[in-house]
Amino acid sequence: MALRLDEETRAKIVRIARRKGETMSGVIREAVAAWVEREESGETPWKLVADLAGCVDGGDPDRSSRGGRRVAELLRARRR
């Protein structure tokens, strides 16, 4: 199997391989195995953090609905 990578990605893999004391092939095999496992298990980003949803209490309950106005206020204050 041949794998073509852009230079930036290849350089990153080389750095990771050196840091881990492994070959590029070993690092790529590990990454592919992790990806295959994740795909096979049906994990989604939501499933990975589902246990955290709704676990924070306190704060401003209207924060998300007033976010745009708050940012505008902060920008106006910064200009002054």
PDB file of N, CA and C in Angstrom:
ATOM      1  N   MET A   1       0.846  -1.170   0.000  1.00  0.00           N
ATOM      2  CA  MET A   1       0.000   0.000   0.000  1.00  0.00           C
ATOM      3  C   MET A   1       0.893   1.235   0.000  1.00  0.00           C
ATOM      4  N   ALA A   2       0.523   2.177  -0.803  1.00  0.00           N
ATOM      5  CA  ALA A   2       1.257   3.442  -0.840  1.00  0.00           C
ATOM      6  C   ALA A   2       0.384   4.522  -0.214  1.00  0.00           C
ATOM      7  N   LEU A   3       1.030   5.423   0.458  1.00  0.00           N
ATOM      8  CA  LEU A   3       0.313   6.515   1.111  1.00  0.00           C
ATOM      9  C   LEU A   3       1.007   7.814   0.747  1.00  0.00           C
ATOM     10  N   ARG A   4       0.259   8.726   0.161  1.00  0.00           N
ATOM     11  CA  ARG A   4       0.830  10.024  -0.205  1.00  0.00           C
ATOM     12  C   ARG A   4       0.379  11.055   0.813  1.00  0.00           C
ATOM     13  N   LEU A   5       1.336  11.776   1.339  1.00  0.00           N
ATOM     14  CA  LEU A   5       1.058  12.804   2.350  1.00  0.00           C
ATOM     15  C   LEU A   5       1.627  14.136   1.895  1.00  0.00           C
ATOM     16  N   ASP A   6       0.973  15.207   2.317  1.00  0.00           N
ATOM     17  CA  ASP A   6       1.562  16.515   2.047  1.00  0.00           C
ATOM     18  C   ASP A   6       2.775  16.673   2.963  1.00  0.00           C
ATOM     19  N   GLU A   7       3.659  17.583   2.616  1.00  0.00           N
ATOM     20  CA  GLU A   7       4.921  17.738   3.339  1.00  0.00           C
ATOM     21  C   GLU A   7       4.711  18.102   4.811  1.00  0.00           C
ATOM     22  N   GLU A   8       3.740  18.948   5.085  1.00  0.00           N
ATOM     23  CA  GLU A   8       3.500  19.365   6.476  1.00  0.00           C
ATOM     24  C   GLU A   8       3.080  18.178   7.340  1.00  0.00           C
ATOM     25  N   THR A   9       2.161  17.366   6.840  1.00  0.00           N
ATOM     26  CA  THR A   9       1.716  16.188   7.590  1.00  0.00           C
ATOM     27  C   THR A   9       2.859  15.198   7.760  1.00  0.00           C
ATOM     28  N   ARG A  10       3.623  14.998   6.705  1.00  0.00           N
ATOM     29  CA  ARG A  10       4.761  14.074   6.782  1.00  0.00           C
ATOM     30  C   ARG A  10       5.758  14.537   7.836  1.00  0.00           C
ATOM     31  N   ALA A  11       6.057  15.834   7.863  1.00  0.00           N
ATOM     32  CA  ALA A  11       7.006  16.359   8.846  1.00  0.00           C
ATOM     33  C   ALA A  11       6.489  16.158  10.262  1.00  0.00           C
ATOM     34  N   LYS A  12       5.191  16.334  10.464  1.00  0.00           N
ATOM     35  CA  LYS A  12       4.601  16.127  11.793  1.00  0.00           C
ATOM     36  C   LYS A  12       4.725  14.674  12.222  1.00  0.00           C
ATOM     37  N   ILE A  13       4.470  13.760  11.276  1.00  0.00           N
ATOM     38  CA  ILE A  13       4.581  12.331  11.591  1.00  0.00           C
ATOM     39  C   ILE A  13       6.024  11.969  11.911  1.00  0.00           C
ATOM     40  N   VAL A  14       6.956  12.540  11.177  1.00  0.00           N
ATOM     41  CA  VAL A  14       8.382  12.286  11.446  1.00  0.00           C
ATOM     42  C   VAL A  14       8.727  12.752  12.867  1.00  0.00           C
ATOM     43  N   ARG A  15       8.267  13.946  13.250  1.00  0.00           N
ATOM     44  CA  ARG A  15       8.550  14.453  14.606  1.00  0.00           C
ATOM     45  C   ARG A  15       7.949  13.544  15.680  1.00  0.00           C
ATOM     46  N   ILE A  16       6.727  13.114  15.461  1.00  0.00           N
ATOM     47  CA  ILE A  16       6.070  12.226  16.428  1.00  0.00           C
ATOM     48  C   ILE A  16       6.821  10.910  16.523  1.00  0.00           C
ATOM     49  N   ALA A  17       7.201  10.353  15.383  1.00  0.00           N
ATOM     50  CA  ALA A  17       7.922   9.080  15.371  1.00  0.00           C
ATOM     51  C   ALA A  17       9.251   9.202  16.116  1.00  0.00           C
ATOM     52  N   ARG A  18       9.976  10.281  15.875  1.00  0.00           N
ATOM     53  CA  ARG A  18      11.253  10.475  16.576  1.00  0.00           C
ATOM     54  C   ARG A  18      11.046  10.587  18.080  1.00  0.00           C
ATOM     55  N   ARG A  19      10.032  11.380  18.469  1.00  0.00           N
ATOM     56  CA  ARG A  19       9.754  11.579  19.890  1.00  0.00           C
ATOM     57  C   ARG A  19       9.401  10.259  20.568  1.00  0.00           C
ATOM     58  N   LYS A  20       8.665   9.402  19.860  1.00  0.00           N
ATOM     59  CA  LYS A  20       8.240   8.123  20.427  1.00  0.00           C
ATOM     60  C   LYS A  20       9.278   7.019  20.239  1.00  0.00           C
ATOM     61  N   GLY A  21      10.302   7.293  19.432  1.00  0.00           N
ATOM     62  CA  GLY A  21      11.311   6.276  19.162  1.00  0.00           C
ATOM     63  C   GLY A  21      10.771   5.152  18.288  1.00  0.00           C
ATOM     64  N   GLU A  22       9.875   5.507  17.385  1.00  0.00           N
ATOM     65  CA  GLU A  22       9.262   4.528  16.482  1.00  0.00           C
ATOM     66  C   GLU A  22       9.524   4.928  15.036  1.00  0.00           C
ATOM     67  N   THR A  23       9.143   4.038  14.137  1.00  0.00           N
ATOM     68  CA  THR A  23       9.241   4.351  12.720  1.00  0.00           C
ATOM     69  C   THR A  23       7.983   5.105  12.292  1.00  0.00           C
ATOM     70  N   MET A  24       8.074   5.757  11.136  1.00  0.00           N
ATOM     71  CA  MET A  24       6.882   6.402  10.584  1.00  0.00           C
ATOM     72  C   MET A  24       5.785   5.376  10.344  1.00  0.00           C
ATOM     73  N   SER A  25       6.158   4.231   9.833  1.00  0.00           N
ATOM     74  CA  SER A  25       5.170   3.182   9.568  1.00  0.00           C
ATOM     75  C   SER A  25       4.460   2.760  10.846  1.00  0.00           C
ATOM     76  N   GLY A  26       5.215   2.646  11.926  1.00  0.00           N
ATOM     77  CA  GLY A  26       4.619   2.261  13.207  1.00  0.00           C
ATOM     78  C   GLY A  26       3.627   3.287  13.707  1.00  0.00           C
ATOM     79  N   VAL A  27       3.998   4.562  13.581  1.00  0.00           N
ATOM     80  CA  VAL A  27       3.111   5.641  14.015  1.00  0.00           C
ATOM     81  C   VAL A  27       1.842   5.645  13.160  1.00  0.00           C
ATOM     82  N   ILE A  28       1.990   5.482  11.864  1.00  0.00           N
ATOM     83  CA  ILE A  28       0.830   5.473  10.967  1.00  0.00           C
ATOM     84  C   ILE A  28      -0.051   4.260  11.239  1.00  0.00           C
ATOM     85  N   ARG A  29       0.556   3.081  11.470  1.00  0.00           N
ATOM     86  CA  ARG A  29      -0.234   1.888  11.801  1.00  0.00           C
ATOM     87  C   ARG A  29      -1.039   2.114  13.070  1.00  0.00           C
ATOM     88  N   GLU A  30      -0.408   2.727  14.080  1.00  0.00           N
ATOM     89  CA  GLU A  30      -1.096   3.009  15.347  1.00  0.00           C
ATOM     90  C   GLU A  30      -2.274   3.962  15.129  1.00  0.00           C
ATOM     91  N   ALA A  31      -2.062   4.992  14.329  1.00  0.00           N
ATOM     92  CA  ALA A  31      -3.122   5.962  14.061  1.00  0.00           C
ATOM     93  C   ALA A  31      -4.275   5.315  13.297  1.00  0.00           C
ATOM     94  N   VAL A  32      -3.958   4.504  12.305  1.00  0.00           N
ATOM     95  CA  VAL A  32      -4.999   3.842  11.523  1.00  0.00           C
ATOM     96  C   VAL A  32      -5.771   2.866  12.409  1.00  0.00           C
ATOM     97  N   ALA A  33      -5.075   2.119  13.264  1.00  0.00           N
ATOM     98  CA  ALA A  33      -5.745   1.171  14.159  1.00  0.00           C
ATOM     99  C   ALA A  33      -6.705   1.904  15.100  1.00  0.00           C
ATOM    100  N   ALA A  34      -6.279   3.056  15.632  1.00  0.00           N
ATOM    101  CA  ALA A  34      -7.149   3.833  16.519  1.00  0.00           C
ATOM    102  C   ALA A  34      -8.362   4.347  15.759  1.00  0.00           C
ATOM    103  N   TRP A  35      -8.158   4.808  14.529  1.00  0.00           N
ATOM    104  CA  TRP A  35      -9.258   5.303  13.710  1.00  0.00           C
ATOM    105  C   TRP A  35     -10.254   4.183  13.405  1.00  0.00           C
ATOM    106  N   VAL A  36      -9.733   3.008  13.013  1.00  0.00           N
ATOM    107  CA  VAL A  36     -10.596   1.870  12.690  1.00  0.00           C
ATOM    108  C   VAL A  36     -11.402   1.472  13.928  1.00  0.00           C
ATOM    109  N   GLU A  37     -10.763   1.416  15.073  1.00  0.00           N
ATOM    110  CA  GLU A  37     -11.459   1.050  16.313  1.00  0.00           C
ATOM    111  C   GLU A  37     -12.585   2.042  16.612  1.00  0.00           C
ATOM    112  N   ARG A  38     -12.301   3.322  16.461  1.00  0.00           N
ATOM    113  CA  ARG A  38     -13.304   4.354  16.720  1.00  0.00           C
ATOM    114  C   ARG A  38     -14.468   4.233  15.736  1.00  0.00           C
ATOM    115  N   GLU A  39     -14.156   4.020  14.466  1.00  0.00           N
ATOM    116  CA  GLU A  39     -15.200   3.887  13.445  1.00  0.00           C
ATOM    117  C   GLU A  39     -16.042   2.635  13.676  1.00  0.00           C
ATOM    118  N   GLU A  40     -15.400   1.542  14.026  1.00  0.00           N
ATOM    119  CA  GLU A  40     -16.110   0.291  14.252  1.00  0.00           C
ATOM    120  C   GLU A  40     -17.008   0.362  15.485  1.00  0.00           C
ATOM    121  N   SER A  41     -16.577   1.089  16.489  1.00  0.00           N
ATOM    122  CA  SER A  41     -17.344   1.154  17.739  1.00  0.00           C
ATOM    123  C   SER A  41     -18.541   2.085  17.618  1.00  0.00           C
ATOM    124  N   GLY A  42     -18.575   2.907  16.577  1.00  0.00           N
ATOM    125  CA  GLY A  42     -19.670   3.842  16.405  1.00  0.00           C
ATOM    126  C   GLY A  42     -19.579   5.052  17.320  1.00  0.00           C
ATOM    127  N   GLU A  43     -18.407   5.285  17.915  1.00  0.00           N
ATOM    128  CA  GLU A  43     -18.239   6.452  18.781  1.00  0.00           C
ATOM    129  C   GLU A  43     -18.422   7.729  17.978  1.00  0.00           C
ATOM    130  N   THR A  44     -19.105   8.663  18.562  1.00  0.00           N
ATOM    131  CA  THR A  44     -19.257   9.983  17.965  1.00  0.00           C
ATOM    132  C   THR A  44     -18.733  10.988  18.980  1.00  0.00           C
ATOM    133  N   PRO A  45     -18.401  12.186  18.535  1.00  0.00           N
ATOM    134  CA  PRO A  45     -17.966  13.193  19.510  1.00  0.00           C
ATOM    135  C   PRO A  45     -18.987  13.376  20.634  1.00  0.00           C
ATOM    136  N   TRP A  46     -20.269  13.328  20.301  1.00  0.00           N
ATOM    137  CA  TRP A  46     -21.296  13.485  21.330  1.00  0.00           C
ATOM    138  C   TRP A  46     -21.233  12.342  22.347  1.00  0.00           C
ATOM    139  N   LYS A  47     -21.073  11.109  21.872  1.00  0.00           N
ATOM    140  CA  LYS A  47     -21.010   9.975  22.784  1.00  0.00           C
ATOM    141  C   LYS A  47     -19.801  10.076  23.726  1.00  0.00           C
ATOM    142  N   LEU A  48     -18.710  10.643  23.222  1.00  0.00           N
ATOM    143  CA  LEU A  48     -17.511  10.758  24.041  1.00  0.00           C
ATOM    144  C   LEU A  48     -17.684  11.718  25.215  1.00  0.00           C
ATOM    145  N   VAL A  49     -18.555  12.722  25.059  1.00  0.00           N
ATOM    146  CA  VAL A  49     -18.737  13.715  26.127  1.00  0.00           C
ATOM    147  C   VAL A  49     -20.141  13.691  26.719  1.00  0.00           C
ATOM    148  N   ALA A  50     -20.952  12.707  26.353  1.00  0.00           N
ATOM    149  CA  ALA A  50     -22.344  12.667  26.801  1.00  0.00           C
ATOM    150  C   ALA A  50     -22.455  12.662  28.316  1.00  0.00           C
ATOM    151  N   ASP A  51     -21.533  12.008  29.003  1.00  0.00           N
ATOM    152  CA  ASP A  51     -21.605  11.958  30.469  1.00  0.00           C
ATOM    153  C   ASP A  51     -21.325  13.315  31.100  1.00  0.00           C
ATOM    154  N   LEU A  52     -20.766  14.250  30.341  1.00  0.00           N
ATOM    155  CA  LEU A  52     -20.459  15.573  30.869  1.00  0.00           C
ATOM    156  C   LEU A  52     -21.593  16.569  30.658  1.00  0.00           C
ATOM    157  N   ALA A  53     -22.484  16.276  29.740  1.00  0.00           N
ATOM    158  CA  ALA A  53     -23.563  17.215  29.405  1.00  0.00           C
ATOM    159  C   ALA A  53     -24.476  17.426  30.603  1.00  0.00           C
ATOM    160  N   GLY A  54     -24.701  18.679  30.921  1.00  0.00           N
ATOM    161  CA  GLY A  54     -25.595  19.018  32.020  1.00  0.00           C
ATOM    162  C   GLY A  54     -25.005  18.860  33.399  1.00  0.00           C
ATOM    163  N   CYS A  55     -23.691  18.693  33.486  1.00  0.00           N
ATOM    164  CA  CYS A  55     -23.084  18.448  34.795  1.00  0.00           C
ATOM    165  C   CYS A  55     -22.592  19.719  35.471  1.00  0.00           C
ATOM    166  N   VAL A  56     -22.740  20.873  34.831  1.00  0.00           N
ATOM    167  CA  VAL A  56     -22.264  22.122  35.416  1.00  0.00           C
ATOM    168  C   VAL A  56     -23.458  22.904  35.935  1.00  0.00           C
ATOM    169  N   ASP A  57     -23.376  23.301  37.178  1.00  0.00           N
ATOM    170  CA  ASP A  57     -24.433  24.100  37.782  1.00  0.00           C
ATOM    171  C   ASP A  57     -23.925  25.507  38.007  1.00  0.00           C
ATOM    172  N   GLY A  58     -24.845  26.453  38.019  1.00  0.00           N
ATOM    173  CA  GLY A  58     -24.469  27.829  38.310  1.00  0.00           C
ATOM    174  C   GLY A  58     -24.221  28.617  37.048  1.00  0.00           C
ATOM    175  N   GLY A  59     -23.863  29.861  37.236  1.00  0.00           N
ATOM    176  CA  GLY A  59     -23.602  30.722  36.094  1.00  0.00           C
ATOM    177  C   GLY A  59     -24.871  31.376  35.597  1.00  0.00           C
ATOM    178  N   ASP A  60     -24.743  32.103  34.545  1.00  0.00           N
ATOM    179  CA  ASP A  60     -25.848  32.856  33.959  1.00  0.00           C
ATOM    180  C   ASP A  60     -26.636  31.951  33.011  1.00  0.00           C
ATOM    181  N   PRO A  61     -27.892  31.628  33.335  1.00  0.00           N
ATOM    182  CA  PRO A  61     -28.654  30.721  32.480  1.00  0.00           C
ATOM    183  C   PRO A  61     -28.991  31.320  31.116  1.00  0.00           C
ATOM    184  N   ASP A  62     -28.914  32.644  30.965  1.00  0.00           N
ATOM    185  CA  ASP A  62     -29.217  33.292  29.693  1.00  0.00           C
ATOM    186  C   ASP A  62     -27.961  33.618  28.893  1.00  0.00           C
ATOM    187  N   ARG A  63     -26.837  33.109  29.313  1.00  0.00           N
ATOM    188  CA  ARG A  63     -25.563  33.472  28.698  1.00  0.00           C
ATOM    189  C   ARG A  63     -25.544  33.248  27.186  1.00  0.00           C
ATOM    190  N   SER A  64     -26.007  32.103  26.749  1.00  0.00           N
ATOM    191  CA  SER A  64     -25.929  31.815  25.317  1.00  0.00           C
ATOM    192  C   SER A  64     -26.899  32.664  24.509  1.00  0.00           C
ATOM    193  N   SER A  65     -28.003  33.063  25.095  1.00  0.00           N
ATOM    194  CA  SER A  65     -28.977  33.842  24.336  1.00  0.00           C
ATOM    195  C   SER A  65     -28.602  35.316  24.247  1.00  0.00           C
ATOM    196  N   ARG A  66     -27.672  35.764  25.087  1.00  0.00           N
ATOM    197  CA  ARG A  66     -27.263  37.162  25.067  1.00  0.00           C
ATOM    198  C   ARG A  66     -25.813  37.326  24.637  1.00  0.00           C
ATOM    199  N   GLY A  67     -25.241  36.279  24.081  1.00  0.00           N
ATOM    200  CA  GLY A  67     -23.823  36.301  23.733  1.00  0.00           C
ATOM    201  C   GLY A  67     -23.435  37.397  22.763  1.00  0.00           C
ATOM    202  N   GLY A  68     -24.211  37.563  21.716  1.00  0.00           N
ATOM    203  CA  GLY A  68     -23.899  38.582  20.711  1.00  0.00           C
ATOM    204  C   GLY A  68     -23.929  39.978  21.286  1.00  0.00           C
ATOM    205  N   ARG A  69     -24.948  40.248  22.103  1.00  0.00           N
ATOM    206  CA  ARG A  69     -25.036  41.572  22.725  1.00  0.00           C
ATOM    207  C   ARG A  69     -23.867  41.811  23.672  1.00  0.00           C
ATOM    208  N   ARG A  70     -23.473  40.790  24.391  1.00  0.00           N
ATOM    209  CA  ARG A  70     -22.362  40.933  25.343  1.00  0.00           C
ATOM    210  C   ARG A  70     -21.053  41.224  24.604  1.00  0.00           C
ATOM    211  N   VAL A  71     -20.814  40.543  23.513  1.00  0.00           N
ATOM    212  CA  VAL A  71     -19.600  40.784  22.714  1.00  0.00           C
ATOM    213  C   VAL A  71     -19.606  42.213  22.189  1.00  0.00           C
ATOM    214  N   ALA A  72     -20.756  42.674  21.686  1.00  0.00           N
ATOM    215  CA  ALA A  72     -20.856  44.048  21.181  1.00  0.00           C
ATOM    216  C   ALA A  72     -20.559  45.053  22.288  1.00  0.00           C
ATOM    217  N   GLU A  73     -21.083  44.810  23.489  1.00  0.00           N
ATOM    218  CA  GLU A  73     -20.816  45.700  24.624  1.00  0.00           C
ATOM    219  C   GLU A  73     -19.331  45.744  24.952  1.00  0.00           C
ATOM    220  N   LEU A  74     -18.695  44.575  24.948  1.00  0.00           N
ATOM    221  CA  LEU A  74     -17.261  44.513  25.246  1.00  0.00           C
ATOM    222  C   LEU A  74     -16.444  45.265  24.202  1.00  0.00           C
ATOM    223  N   LEU A  75     -16.810  45.128  22.934  1.00  0.00           N
ATOM    224  CA  LEU A  75     -16.086  45.829  21.872  1.00  0.00           C
ATOM    225  C   LEU A  75     -16.272  47.339  21.978  1.00  0.00           C
ATOM    226  N   ARG A  76     -17.496  47.770  22.281  1.00  0.00           N
ATOM    227  CA  ARG A  76     -17.725  49.204  22.451  1.00  0.00           C
ATOM    228  C   ARG A  76     -16.920  49.733  23.633  1.00  0.00           C
ATOM    229  N   ALA A  77     -16.872  48.999  24.725  1.00  0.00           N
ATOM    230  CA  ALA A  77     -16.119  49.429  25.895  1.00  0.00           C
ATOM    231  C   ALA A  77     -14.628  49.500  25.588  1.00  0.00           C
ATOM    232  N   ARG A  78     -14.142  48.586  24.759  1.00  0.00           N
ATOM    233  CA  ARG A  78     -12.718  48.560  24.405  1.00  0.00           C
ATOM    234  C   ARG A  78     -12.336  49.771  23.564  1.00  0.00           C
ATOM    235  N   ARG A  79     -13.269  50.227  22.709  1.00  0.00           N
ATOM    236  CA  ARG A  79     -12.995  51.390  21.861  1.00  0.00           C
ATOM    237  C   ARG A  79     -12.860  52.686  22.667  1.00  0.00           C
ATOM    238  N   ARG A  80     -13.561  52.753  23.783  1.00  0.00           N
ATOM    239  CA  ARG A  80     -13.571  53.981  24.594  1.00  0.00           C
ATOM    240  C   ARG A  80     -12.271  54.200  25.280  1.00  0.00           C
TER     241      ARG A  80
END
